[in-house]
Amino acid sequence: MALALKEEDLKLMLAAKVHQGSKNLDPNMERYLWRRRQDGLYIINLGKTWEKLMLAARVIVAIENPQDVIVISGRQFGQRAVFKFAQHTGSAYIGGRYTPGTFTNQIH
């Protein structure tokens, strides 16, 4: 059984404003939304977010060589997170804006 969402974890996620989405709705994200506030901002379901975090953690742990993992954030507010993750795990990272295809069109 996966790790259950504890109250302490929920409080940390709320403090980090993980639940705050945007006013735009992508149909693919609809199943991860909890509700829409009166001001139009979508609120993300933290239970489903936790499930996906645990799934990602299990996948990453199963990889033998941490250098085979690359974390990416094209957004400015994610740069510190990907840097710290890479620093703690020994993986590679791409933080901030980058040329499209840099990651997917590798020349071997």
PDB file of N, CA and C in Angstrom:
ATOM      1  N   MET A   1       0.836  -1.186   0.000  1.00  0.00           N
ATOM      2  CA  MET A   1       0.000   0.000   0.000  1.00  0.00           C
ATOM      3  C   MET A   1       0.879   1.248   0.000  1.00  0.00           C
ATOM      4  N   ALA A   2       0.497   2.236  -0.752  1.00  0.00           N
ATOM      5  CA  ALA A   2       1.256   3.483  -0.834  1.00  0.00           C
ATOM      6  C   ALA A   2       1.119   4.261   0.462  1.00  0.00           C
ATOM      7  N   LEU A   3       2.010   5.190   0.660  1.00  0.00           N
ATOM      8  CA  LEU A   3       1.941   6.043   1.840  1.00  0.00           C
ATOM      9  C   LEU A   3       0.679   6.885   1.793  1.00  0.00           C
ATOM     10  N   ALA A   4      -0.057   6.872   2.879  1.00  0.00           N
ATOM     11  CA  ALA A   4      -1.293   7.641   2.944  1.00  0.00           C
ATOM     12  C   ALA A   4      -0.964   9.115   3.206  1.00  0.00           C
ATOM     13  N   LEU A   5      -1.828   9.975   2.737  1.00  0.00           N
ATOM     14  CA  LEU A   5      -1.678  11.409   2.957  1.00  0.00           C
ATOM     15  C   LEU A   5      -1.973  11.704   4.416  1.00  0.00           C
ATOM     16  N   LYS A   6      -0.963  12.214   5.125  1.00  0.00           N
ATOM     17  CA  LYS A   6      -1.119  12.539   6.542  1.00  0.00           C
ATOM     18  C   LYS A   6      -1.497  14.009   6.684  1.00  0.00           C
ATOM     19  N   GLU A   7      -2.070  14.330   7.816  1.00  0.00           N
ATOM     20  CA  GLU A   7      -2.492  15.705   8.072  1.00  0.00           C
ATOM     21  C   GLU A   7      -1.306  16.671   7.981  1.00  0.00           C
ATOM     22  N   GLU A   8      -0.155  16.258   8.491  1.00  0.00           N
ATOM     23  CA  GLU A   8       1.047  17.095   8.443  1.00  0.00           C
ATOM     24  C   GLU A   8       1.452  17.397   6.995  1.00  0.00           C
ATOM     25  N   ASP A   9       1.411  16.373   6.143  1.00  0.00           N
ATOM     26  CA  ASP A   9       1.740  16.557   4.729  1.00  0.00           C
ATOM     27  C   ASP A   9       0.735  17.478   4.050  1.00  0.00           C
ATOM     28  N   LEU A  10      -0.533  17.305   4.395  1.00  0.00           N
ATOM     29  CA  LEU A  10      -1.582  18.148   3.835  1.00  0.00           C
ATOM     30  C   LEU A  10      -1.374  19.610   4.221  1.00  0.00           C
ATOM     31  N   LYS A  11      -1.007  19.851   5.472  1.00  0.00           N
ATOM     32  CA  LYS A  11      -0.755  21.225   5.928  1.00  0.00           C
ATOM     33  C   LYS A  11       0.429  21.846   5.184  1.00  0.00           C
ATOM     34  N   LEU A  12       1.466  21.050   4.955  1.00  0.00           N
ATOM     35  CA  LEU A  12       2.628  21.551   4.218  1.00  0.00           C
ATOM     36  C   LEU A  12       2.268  21.891   2.773  1.00  0.00           C
ATOM     37  N   MET A  13       1.448  21.047   2.159  1.00  0.00           N
ATOM     38  CA  MET A  13       1.022  21.302   0.787  1.00  0.00           C
ATOM     39  C   MET A  13       0.152  22.555   0.710  1.00  0.00           C
ATOM     40  N   LEU A  14      -0.724  22.740   1.680  1.00  0.00           N
ATOM     41  CA  LEU A  14      -1.558  23.940   1.710  1.00  0.00           C
ATOM     42  C   LEU A  14      -0.705  25.190   1.933  1.00  0.00           C
ATOM     43  N   ALA A  15       0.284  25.101   2.823  1.00  0.00           N
ATOM     44  CA  ALA A  15       1.170  26.244   3.087  1.00  0.00           C
ATOM     45  C   ALA A  15       1.971  26.619   1.846  1.00  0.00           C
ATOM     46  N   ALA A  16       2.325  25.615   1.048  1.00  0.00           N
ATOM     47  CA  ALA A  16       3.084  25.863  -0.184  1.00  0.00           C
ATOM     48  C   ALA A  16       2.169  26.255  -1.347  1.00  0.00           C
ATOM     49  N   LYS A  17       0.870  26.294  -1.092  1.00  0.00           N
ATOM     50  CA  LYS A  17      -0.143  26.667  -2.088  1.00  0.00           C
ATOM     51  C   LYS A  17      -0.145  25.738  -3.298  1.00  0.00           C
ATOM     52  N   VAL A  18       0.104  24.463  -3.039  1.00  0.00           N
ATOM     53  CA  VAL A  18       0.099  23.454  -4.083  1.00  0.00           C
ATOM     54  C   VAL A  18      -1.294  23.330  -4.699  1.00  0.00           C
ATOM     55  N   HIS A  19      -2.305  23.621  -3.914  1.00  0.00           N
ATOM     56  CA  HIS A  19      -3.691  23.450  -4.344  1.00  0.00           C
ATOM     57  C   HIS A  19      -4.181  24.535  -5.296  1.00  0.00           C
ATOM     58  N   GLN A  20      -3.462  25.639  -5.404  1.00  0.00           N
ATOM     59  CA  GLN A  20      -3.933  26.740  -6.240  1.00  0.00           C
ATOM     60  C   GLN A  20      -3.579  26.509  -7.700  1.00  0.00           C
ATOM     61  N   GLY A  21      -4.610  26.469  -8.512  1.00  0.00           N
ATOM     62  CA  GLY A  21      -4.421  26.298  -9.941  1.00  0.00           C
ATOM     63  C   GLY A  21      -4.452  27.648 -10.631  1.00  0.00           C
ATOM     64  N   SER A  22      -5.070  27.690 -11.779  1.00  0.00           N
ATOM     65  CA  SER A  22      -5.188  28.932 -12.537  1.00  0.00           C
ATOM     66  C   SER A  22      -6.644  29.118 -12.956  1.00  0.00           C
ATOM     67  N   LYS A  23      -6.892  30.150 -13.702  1.00  0.00           N
ATOM     68  CA  LYS A  23      -8.251  30.407 -14.189  1.00  0.00           C
ATOM     69  C   LYS A  23      -8.511  29.694 -15.510  1.00  0.00           C
ATOM     70  N   ASN A  24      -7.479  29.127 -16.087  1.00  0.00           N
ATOM     71  CA  ASN A  24      -7.626  28.388 -17.343  1.00  0.00           C
ATOM     72  C   ASN A  24      -7.854  26.916 -17.041  1.00  0.00           C
ATOM     73  N   LEU A  25      -8.728  26.298 -17.812  1.00  0.00           N
ATOM     74  CA  LEU A  25      -9.015  24.885 -17.621  1.00  0.00           C
ATOM     75  C   LEU A  25      -8.583  24.098 -18.848  1.00  0.00           C
ATOM     76  N   ASP A  26      -7.680  23.165 -18.635  1.00  0.00           N
ATOM     77  CA  ASP A  26      -7.290  22.229 -19.670  1.00  0.00           C
ATOM     78  C   ASP A  26      -8.153  20.988 -19.474  1.00  0.00           C
ATOM     79  N   PRO A  27      -8.852  20.536 -20.504  1.00  0.00           N
ATOM     80  CA  PRO A  27      -9.726  19.370 -20.340  1.00  0.00           C
ATOM     81  C   PRO A  27      -9.011  18.137 -19.775  1.00  0.00           C
ATOM     82  N   ASN A  28      -7.724  17.999 -20.038  1.00  0.00           N
ATOM     83  CA  ASN A  28      -6.968  16.858 -19.522  1.00  0.00           C
ATOM     84  C   ASN A  28      -6.739  16.944 -18.015  1.00  0.00           C
ATOM     85  N   MET A  29      -6.836  18.142 -17.462  1.00  0.00           N
ATOM     86  CA  MET A  29      -6.607  18.343 -16.031  1.00  0.00           C
ATOM     87  C   MET A  29      -7.895  18.273 -15.220  1.00  0.00           C
ATOM     88  N   GLU A  30      -9.025  18.225 -15.895  1.00  0.00           N
ATOM     89  CA  GLU A  30     -10.310  18.303 -15.207  1.00  0.00           C
ATOM     90  C   GLU A  30     -10.473  17.243 -14.110  1.00  0.00           C
ATOM     91  N   ARG A  31      -9.964  16.059 -14.328  1.00  0.00           N
ATOM     92  CA  ARG A  31     -10.128  14.991 -13.326  1.00  0.00           C
ATOM     93  C   ARG A  31      -9.300  15.232 -12.067  1.00  0.00           C
ATOM     94  N   TYR A  32      -8.340  16.160 -12.124  1.00  0.00           N
ATOM     95  CA  TYR A  32      -7.501  16.463 -10.959  1.00  0.00           C
ATOM     96  C   TYR A  32      -7.972  17.700 -10.202  1.00  0.00           C
ATOM     97  N   LEU A  33      -9.043  18.287 -10.640  1.00  0.00           N
ATOM     98  CA  LEU A  33      -9.548  19.493  -9.991  1.00  0.00           C
ATOM     99  C   LEU A  33     -10.570  19.132  -8.930  1.00  0.00           C
ATOM    100  N   TRP A  34     -10.573  19.916  -7.868  1.00  0.00           N
ATOM    101  CA  TRP A  34     -11.542  19.708  -6.809  1.00  0.00           C
ATOM    102  C   TRP A  34     -12.781  20.551  -7.060  1.00  0.00           C
ATOM    103  N   ARG A  35     -12.574  21.877  -7.259  1.00  0.00           N
ATOM    104  CA  ARG A  35     -13.688  22.766  -7.550  1.00  0.00           C
ATOM    105  C   ARG A  35     -13.158  24.089  -8.093  1.00  0.00           C
ATOM    106  N   ARG A  36     -14.083  24.964  -8.420  1.00  0.00           N
ATOM    107  CA  ARG A  36     -13.734  26.293  -8.933  1.00  0.00           C
ATOM    108  C   ARG A  36     -14.250  27.337  -7.945  1.00  0.00           C
ATOM    109  N   ARG A  37     -13.388  28.255  -7.557  1.00  0.00           N
ATOM    110  CA  ARG A  37     -13.801  29.315  -6.639  1.00  0.00           C
ATOM    111  C   ARG A  37     -14.657  30.341  -7.371  1.00  0.00           C
ATOM    112  N   GLN A  38     -15.291  31.215  -6.615  1.00  0.00           N
ATOM    113  CA  GLN A  38     -16.155  32.234  -7.207  1.00  0.00           C
ATOM    114  C   GLN A  38     -15.372  33.207  -8.089  1.00  0.00           C
ATOM    115  N   ASP A  39     -14.090  33.421  -7.777  1.00  0.00           N
ATOM    116  CA  ASP A  39     -13.275  34.325  -8.594  1.00  0.00           C
ATOM    117  C   ASP A  39     -12.744  33.651  -9.866  1.00  0.00           C
ATOM    118  N   GLY A  40     -13.110  32.375 -10.069  1.00  0.00           N
ATOM    119  CA  GLY A  40     -12.722  31.669 -11.291  1.00  0.00           C
ATOM    120  C   GLY A  40     -11.473  30.822 -11.166  1.00  0.00           C
ATOM    121  N   LEU A  41     -10.792  30.872 -10.030  1.00  0.00           N
ATOM    122  CA  LEU A  41      -9.565  30.104  -9.837  1.00  0.00           C
ATOM    123  C   LEU A  41      -9.918  28.649  -9.535  1.00  0.00           C
ATOM    124  N   TYR A  42      -9.275  27.731 -10.238  1.00  0.00           N
ATOM    125  CA  TYR A  42      -9.513  26.307 -10.017  1.00  0.00           C
ATOM    126  C   TYR A  42      -8.654  25.820  -8.848  1.00  0.00           C
ATOM    127  N   ILE A  43      -9.244  24.983  -8.007  1.00  0.00           N
ATOM    128  CA  ILE A  43      -8.552  24.407  -6.858  1.00  0.00           C
ATOM    129  C   ILE A  43      -8.240  22.944  -7.192  1.00  0.00           C
ATOM    130  N   ILE A  44      -6.979  22.569  -7.007  1.00  0.00           N
ATOM    131  CA  ILE A  44      -6.504  21.232  -7.358  1.00  0.00           C
ATOM    132  C   ILE A  44      -6.770  20.274  -6.200  1.00  0.00           C
ATOM    133  N   ASN A  45      -7.177  19.066  -6.512  1.00  0.00           N
ATOM    134  CA  ASN A  45      -7.454  18.021  -5.535  1.00  0.00           C
ATOM    135  C   ASN A  45      -6.116  17.517  -4.973  1.00  0.00           C
ATOM    136  N   LEU A  46      -5.854  17.796  -3.698  1.00  0.00           N
ATOM    137  CA  LEU A  46      -4.570  17.427  -3.102  1.00  0.00           C
ATOM    138  C   LEU A  46      -4.443  15.918  -2.879  1.00  0.00           C
ATOM    139  N   GLY A  47      -5.555  15.227  -2.736  1.00  0.00           N
ATOM    140  CA  GLY A  47      -5.505  13.767  -2.608  1.00  0.00           C
ATOM    141  C   GLY A  47      -4.958  13.125  -3.873  1.00  0.00           C
ATOM    142  N   LYS A  48      -5.436  13.579  -5.009  1.00  0.00           N
ATOM    143  CA  LYS A  48      -4.948  13.043  -6.286  1.00  0.00           C
ATOM    144  C   LYS A  48      -3.517  13.496  -6.563  1.00  0.00           C
ATOM    145  N   THR A  49      -3.191  14.720  -6.131  1.00  0.00           N
ATOM    146  CA  THR A  49      -1.812  15.206  -6.270  1.00  0.00           C
ATOM    147  C   THR A  49      -0.869  14.312  -5.482  1.00  0.00           C
ATOM    148  N   TRP A  50      -1.273  13.956  -4.259  1.00  0.00           N
ATOM    149  CA  TRP A  50      -0.452  13.094  -3.408  1.00  0.00           C
ATOM    150  C   TRP A  50      -0.247  11.724  -4.066  1.00  0.00           C
ATOM    151  N   GLU A  51      -1.319  11.167  -4.641  1.00  0.00           N
ATOM    152  CA  GLU A  51      -1.209   9.867  -5.315  1.00  0.00           C
ATOM    153  C   GLU A  51      -0.177   9.921  -6.437  1.00  0.00           C
ATOM    154  N   LYS A  52      -0.206  10.981  -7.235  1.00  0.00           N
ATOM    155  CA  LYS A  52       0.738  11.117  -8.351  1.00  0.00           C
ATOM    156  C   LYS A  52       2.167  11.339  -7.847  1.00  0.00           C
ATOM    157  N   LEU A  53       2.315  12.065  -6.734  1.00  0.00           N
ATOM    158  CA  LEU A  53       3.646  12.253  -6.150  1.00  0.00           C
ATOM    159  C   LEU A  53       4.221  10.920  -5.685  1.00  0.00           C
ATOM    160  N   MET A  54       3.391  10.109  -5.057  1.00  0.00           N
ATOM    161  CA  MET A  54       3.850   8.800  -4.589  1.00  0.00           C
ATOM    162  C   MET A  54       4.200   7.886  -5.761  1.00  0.00           C
ATOM    163  N   LEU A  55       3.426   7.945  -6.825  1.00  0.00           N
ATOM    164  CA  LEU A  55       3.729   7.161  -8.022  1.00  0.00           C
ATOM    165  C   LEU A  55       5.068   7.597  -8.617  1.00  0.00           C
ATOM    166  N   ALA A  56       5.268   8.906  -8.732  1.00  0.00           N
ATOM    167  CA  ALA A  56       6.536   9.419  -9.267  1.00  0.00           C
ATOM    168  C   ALA A  56       7.708   9.022  -8.378  1.00  0.00           C
ATOM    169  N   ALA A  57       7.517   9.081  -7.074  1.00  0.00           N
ATOM    170  CA  ALA A  57       8.589   8.703  -6.140  1.00  0.00           C
ATOM    171  C   ALA A  57       8.952   7.226  -6.304  1.00  0.00           C
ATOM    172  N   ARG A  58       7.941   6.368  -6.456  1.00  0.00           N
ATOM    173  CA  ARG A  58       8.208   4.936  -6.639  1.00  0.00           C
ATOM    174  C   ARG A  58       8.962   4.679  -7.939  1.00  0.00           C
ATOM    175  N   VAL A  59       8.625   5.402  -8.991  1.00  0.00           N
ATOM    176  CA  VAL A  59       9.313   5.231 -10.274  1.00  0.00           C
ATOM    177  C   VAL A  59      10.759   5.690 -10.158  1.00  0.00           C
ATOM    178  N   ILE A  60      10.981   6.825  -9.540  1.00  0.00           N
ATOM    179  CA  ILE A  60      12.341   7.370  -9.420  1.00  0.00           C
ATOM    180  C   ILE A  60      13.215   6.478  -8.553  1.00  0.00           C
ATOM    181  N   VAL A  61      12.662   5.958  -7.474  1.00  0.00           N
ATOM    182  CA  VAL A  61      13.423   5.074  -6.582  1.00  0.00           C
ATOM    183  C   VAL A  61      13.846   3.795  -7.300  1.00  0.00           C
ATOM    184  N   ALA A  62      13.031   3.341  -8.242  1.00  0.00           N
ATOM    185  CA  ALA A  62      13.324   2.101  -8.961  1.00  0.00           C
ATOM    186  C   ALA A  62      14.463   2.259  -9.963  1.00  0.00           C
ATOM    187  N   ILE A  63      14.853   3.478 -10.294  1.00  0.00           N
ATOM    188  CA  ILE A  63      15.930   3.710 -11.259  1.00  0.00           C
ATOM    189  C   ILE A  63      17.272   3.578 -10.539  1.00  0.00           C
ATOM    190  N   GLU A  64      18.110   2.688 -11.038  1.00  0.00           N
ATOM    191  CA  GLU A  64      19.374   2.388 -10.366  1.00  0.00           C
ATOM    192  C   GLU A  64      20.356   3.552 -10.396  1.00  0.00           C
ATOM    193  N   ASN A  65      20.490   4.201 -11.548  1.00  0.00           N
ATOM    194  CA  ASN A  65      21.461   5.274 -11.693  1.00  0.00           C
ATOM    195  C   ASN A  65      20.737   6.619 -11.659  1.00  0.00           C
ATOM    196  N   PRO A  66      20.943   7.429 -10.609  1.00  0.00           N
ATOM    197  CA  PRO A  66      20.248   8.708 -10.510  1.00  0.00           C
ATOM    198  C   PRO A  66      20.578   9.666 -11.665  1.00  0.00           C
ATOM    199  N   GLN A  67      21.693   9.462 -12.326  1.00  0.00           N
ATOM    200  CA  GLN A  67      22.057  10.335 -13.441  1.00  0.00           C
ATOM    201  C   GLN A  67      21.184  10.081 -14.669  1.00  0.00           C
ATOM    202  N   ASP A  68      20.402   9.015 -14.645  1.00  0.00           N
ATOM    203  CA  ASP A  68      19.461   8.737 -15.725  1.00  0.00           C
ATOM    204  C   ASP A  68      18.163   9.536 -15.570  1.00  0.00           C
ATOM    205  N   VAL A  69      18.011  10.238 -14.452  1.00  0.00           N
ATOM    206  CA  VAL A  69      16.812  11.036 -14.177  1.00  0.00           C
ATOM    207  C   VAL A  69      17.117  12.498 -14.499  1.00  0.00           C
ATOM    208  N   ILE A  70      16.216  13.132 -15.223  1.00  0.00           N
ATOM    209  CA  ILE A  70      16.339  14.564 -15.512  1.00  0.00           C
ATOM    210  C   ILE A  70      15.051  15.226 -15.067  1.00  0.00           C
ATOM    211  N   VAL A  71      15.183  16.257 -14.236  1.00  0.00           N
ATOM    212  CA  VAL A  71      14.012  17.015 -13.794  1.00  0.00           C
ATOM    213  C   VAL A  71      14.004  18.351 -14.522  1.00  0.00           C
ATOM    214  N   ILE A  72      12.819  18.760 -14.963  1.00  0.00           N
ATOM    215  CA  ILE A  72      12.696  19.961 -15.783  1.00  0.00           C
ATOM    216  C   ILE A  72      11.615  20.871 -15.217  1.00  0.00           C
ATOM    217  N   SER A  73      11.912  22.153 -15.197  1.00  0.00           N
ATOM    218  CA  SER A  73      10.890  23.164 -14.934  1.00  0.00           C
ATOM    219  C   SER A  73      11.140  24.311 -15.891  1.00  0.00           C
ATOM    220  N   GLY A  74      10.205  24.498 -16.783  1.00  0.00           N
ATOM    221  CA  GLY A  74      10.305  25.613 -17.720  1.00  0.00           C
ATOM    222  C   GLY A  74       9.814  26.910 -17.108  1.00  0.00           C
ATOM    223  N   ARG A  75       9.244  26.821 -15.919  1.00  0.00           N
ATOM    224  CA  ARG A  75       8.708  28.004 -15.243  1.00  0.00           C
ATOM    225  C   ARG A  75       9.707  28.517 -14.212  1.00  0.00           C
ATOM    226  N   GLN A  76       9.713  29.810 -14.023  1.00  0.00           N
ATOM    227  CA  GLN A  76      10.658  30.429 -13.108  1.00  0.00           C
ATOM    228  C   GLN A  76      10.453  29.958 -11.667  1.00  0.00           C
ATOM    229  N   PHE A  77       9.196  29.771 -11.254  1.00  0.00           N
ATOM    230  CA  PHE A  77       8.934  29.386  -9.872  1.00  0.00           C
ATOM    231  C   PHE A  77       9.309  27.938  -9.570  1.00  0.00           C
ATOM    232  N   GLY A  78       9.655  27.160 -10.576  1.00  0.00           N
ATOM    233  CA  GLY A  78      10.065  25.778 -10.352  1.00  0.00           C
ATOM    234  C   GLY A  78      11.569  25.562 -10.405  1.00  0.00           C
ATOM    235  N   GLN A  79      12.326  26.600 -10.730  1.00  0.00           N
ATOM    236  CA  GLN A  79      13.772  26.456 -10.895  1.00  0.00           C
ATOM    237  C   GLN A  79      14.462  25.990  -9.620  1.00  0.00           C
ATOM    238  N   ARG A  80      14.103  26.594  -8.505  1.00  0.00           N
ATOM    239  CA  ARG A  80      14.749  26.235  -7.240  1.00  0.00           C
ATOM    240  C   ARG A  80      14.425  24.791  -6.864  1.00  0.00           C
ATOM    241  N   ALA A  81      13.185  24.390  -7.091  1.00  0.00           N
ATOM    242  CA  ALA A  81      12.766  23.027  -6.744  1.00  0.00           C
ATOM    243  C   ALA A  81      13.535  21.984  -7.549  1.00  0.00           C
ATOM    244  N   VAL A  82      13.669  22.182  -8.867  1.00  0.00           N
ATOM    245  CA  VAL A  82      14.384  21.185  -9.671  1.00  0.00           C
ATOM    246  C   VAL A  82      15.873  21.184  -9.340  1.00  0.00           C
ATOM    247  N   PHE A  83      16.418  22.347  -9.027  1.00  0.00           N
ATOM    248  CA  PHE A  83      17.830  22.417  -8.640  1.00  0.00           C
ATOM    249  C   PHE A  83      18.062  21.650  -7.342  1.00  0.00           C
ATOM    250  N   LYS A  84      17.225  21.884  -6.346  1.00  0.00           N
ATOM    251  CA  LYS A  84      17.383  21.205  -5.062  1.00  0.00           C
ATOM    252  C   LYS A  84      17.172  19.695  -5.198  1.00  0.00           C
ATOM    253  N   PHE A  85      16.167  19.294  -5.992  1.00  0.00           N
ATOM    254  CA  PHE A  85      15.932  17.870  -6.207  1.00  0.00           C
ATOM    255  C   PHE A  85      17.163  17.228  -6.828  1.00  0.00           C
ATOM    256  N   ALA A  86      17.702  17.869  -7.853  1.00  0.00           N
ATOM    257  CA  ALA A  86      18.881  17.331  -8.537  1.00  0.00           C
ATOM    258  C   ALA A  86      20.085  17.280  -7.594  1.00  0.00           C
ATOM    259  N   GLN A  87      20.221  18.290  -6.780  1.00  0.00           N
ATOM    260  CA  GLN A  87      21.330  18.349  -5.828  1.00  0.00           C
ATOM    261  C   GLN A  87      21.251  17.200  -4.818  1.00  0.00           C
ATOM    262  N   HIS A  88      20.066  16.915  -4.323  1.00  0.00           N
ATOM    263  CA  HIS A  88      19.893  15.879  -3.301  1.00  0.00           C
ATOM    264  C   HIS A  88      19.922  14.465  -3.867  1.00  0.00           C
ATOM    265  N   THR A  89      19.567  14.294  -5.129  1.00  0.00           N
ATOM    266  CA  THR A  89      19.488  12.946  -5.695  1.00  0.00           C
ATOM    267  C   THR A  89      20.633  12.605  -6.645  1.00  0.00           C
ATOM    268  N   GLY A  90      21.399  13.597  -7.068  1.00  0.00           N
ATOM    269  CA  GLY A  90      22.477  13.336  -8.018  1.00  0.00           C
ATOM    270  C   GLY A  90      21.992  13.247  -9.450  1.00  0.00           C
ATOM    271  N   SER A  91      20.784  13.722  -9.712  1.00  0.00           N
ATOM    272  CA  SER A  91      20.236  13.691 -11.067  1.00  0.00           C
ATOM    273  C   SER A  91      20.565  14.994 -11.800  1.00  0.00           C
ATOM    274  N   ALA A  92      20.237  15.025 -13.072  1.00  0.00           N
ATOM    275  CA  ALA A  92      20.459  16.227 -13.883  1.00  0.00           C
ATOM    276  C   ALA A  92      19.196  17.081 -13.866  1.00  0.00           C
ATOM    277  N   TYR A  93      19.338  18.357 -14.205  1.00  0.00           N
ATOM    278  CA  TYR A  93      18.155  19.218 -14.231  1.00  0.00           C
ATOM    279  C   TYR A  93      18.254  20.250 -15.335  1.00  0.00           C
ATOM    280  N   ILE A  94      17.096  20.714 -15.763  1.00  0.00           N
ATOM    281  CA  ILE A  94      16.985  21.846 -16.673  1.00  0.00           C
ATOM    282  C   ILE A  94      16.030  22.808 -15.993  1.00  0.00           C
ATOM    283  N   GLY A  95      16.537  23.958 -15.598  1.00  0.00           N
ATOM    284  CA  GLY A  95      15.712  24.936 -14.899  1.00  0.00           C
ATOM    285  C   GLY A  95      15.560  26.193 -15.729  1.00  0.00           C
ATOM    286  N   GLY A  96      14.356  26.672 -15.830  1.00  0.00           N
ATOM    287  CA  GLY A  96      14.105  27.903 -16.576  1.00  0.00           C
ATOM    288  C   GLY A  96      13.816  27.638 -18.034  1.00  0.00           C
ATOM    289  N   ARG A  97      13.830  28.706 -18.794  1.00  0.00           N
ATOM    290  CA  ARG A  97      13.507  28.597 -20.214  1.00  0.00           C
ATOM    291  C   ARG A  97      14.618  27.880 -20.966  1.00  0.00           C
ATOM    292  N   TYR A  98      14.223  27.119 -21.943  1.00  0.00           N
ATOM    293  CA  TYR A  98      15.202  26.429 -22.779  1.00  0.00           C
ATOM    294  C   TYR A  98      14.627  26.294 -24.182  1.00  0.00           C
ATOM    295  N   THR A  99      15.497  26.115 -25.140  1.00  0.00           N
ATOM    296  CA  THR A  99      15.084  26.005 -26.527  1.00  0.00           C
ATOM    297  C   THR A  99      14.283  24.727 -26.731  1.00  0.00           C
ATOM    298  N   PRO A 100      13.098  24.820 -27.337  1.00  0.00           N
ATOM    299  CA  PRO A 100      12.313  23.612 -27.597  1.00  0.00           C
ATOM    300  C   PRO A 100      13.135  22.590 -28.387  1.00  0.00           C
ATOM    301  N   GLY A 101      13.059  21.351 -27.971  1.00  0.00           N
ATOM    302  CA  GLY A 101      13.819  20.287 -28.616  1.00  0.00           C
ATOM    303  C   GLY A 101      15.138  19.985 -27.926  1.00  0.00           C
ATOM    304  N   THR A 102      15.569  20.849 -27.017  1.00  0.00           N
ATOM    305  CA  THR A 102      16.827  20.619 -26.298  1.00  0.00           C
ATOM    306  C   THR A 102      16.801  19.290 -25.574  1.00  0.00           C
ATOM    307  N   PHE A 103      15.696  18.987 -24.978  1.00  0.00           N
ATOM    308  CA  PHE A 103      15.577  17.761 -24.213  1.00  0.00           C
ATOM    309  C   PHE A 103      15.222  16.558 -25.090  1.00  0.00           C
ATOM    310  N   THR A 104      14.325  16.746 -26.024  1.00  0.00           N
ATOM    311  CA  THR A 104      13.817  15.620 -26.808  1.00  0.00           C
ATOM    312  C   THR A 104      14.636  15.284 -28.044  1.00  0.00           C
ATOM    313  N   ASN A 105      15.333  16.246 -28.621  1.00  0.00           N
ATOM    314  CA  ASN A 105      16.079  16.013 -29.861  1.00  0.00           C
ATOM    315  C   ASN A 105      17.569  15.920 -29.591  1.00  0.00           C
ATOM    316  N   GLN A 106      17.964  14.931 -28.838  1.00  0.00           N
ATOM    317  CA  GLN A 106      19.362  14.749 -28.481  1.00  0.00           C
ATOM    318  C   GLN A 106      20.161  14.227 -29.679  1.00  0.00           C
ATOM    319  N   ILE A 107      21.357  14.725 -29.848  1.00  0.00           N
ATOM    320  CA  ILE A 107      22.265  14.217 -30.871  1.00  0.00           C
ATOM    321  C   ILE A 107      23.234  13.268 -30.181  1.00  0.00           C
ATOM    322  N   HIS A 108      23.259  12.019 -30.640  1.00  0.00           N
ATOM    323  CA  HIS A 108      24.100  11.011 -29.977  1.00  0.00           C
ATOM    324  C   HIS A 108      25.412  10.880 -30.681  1.00  0.00           C
TER     325      HIS A 108
END
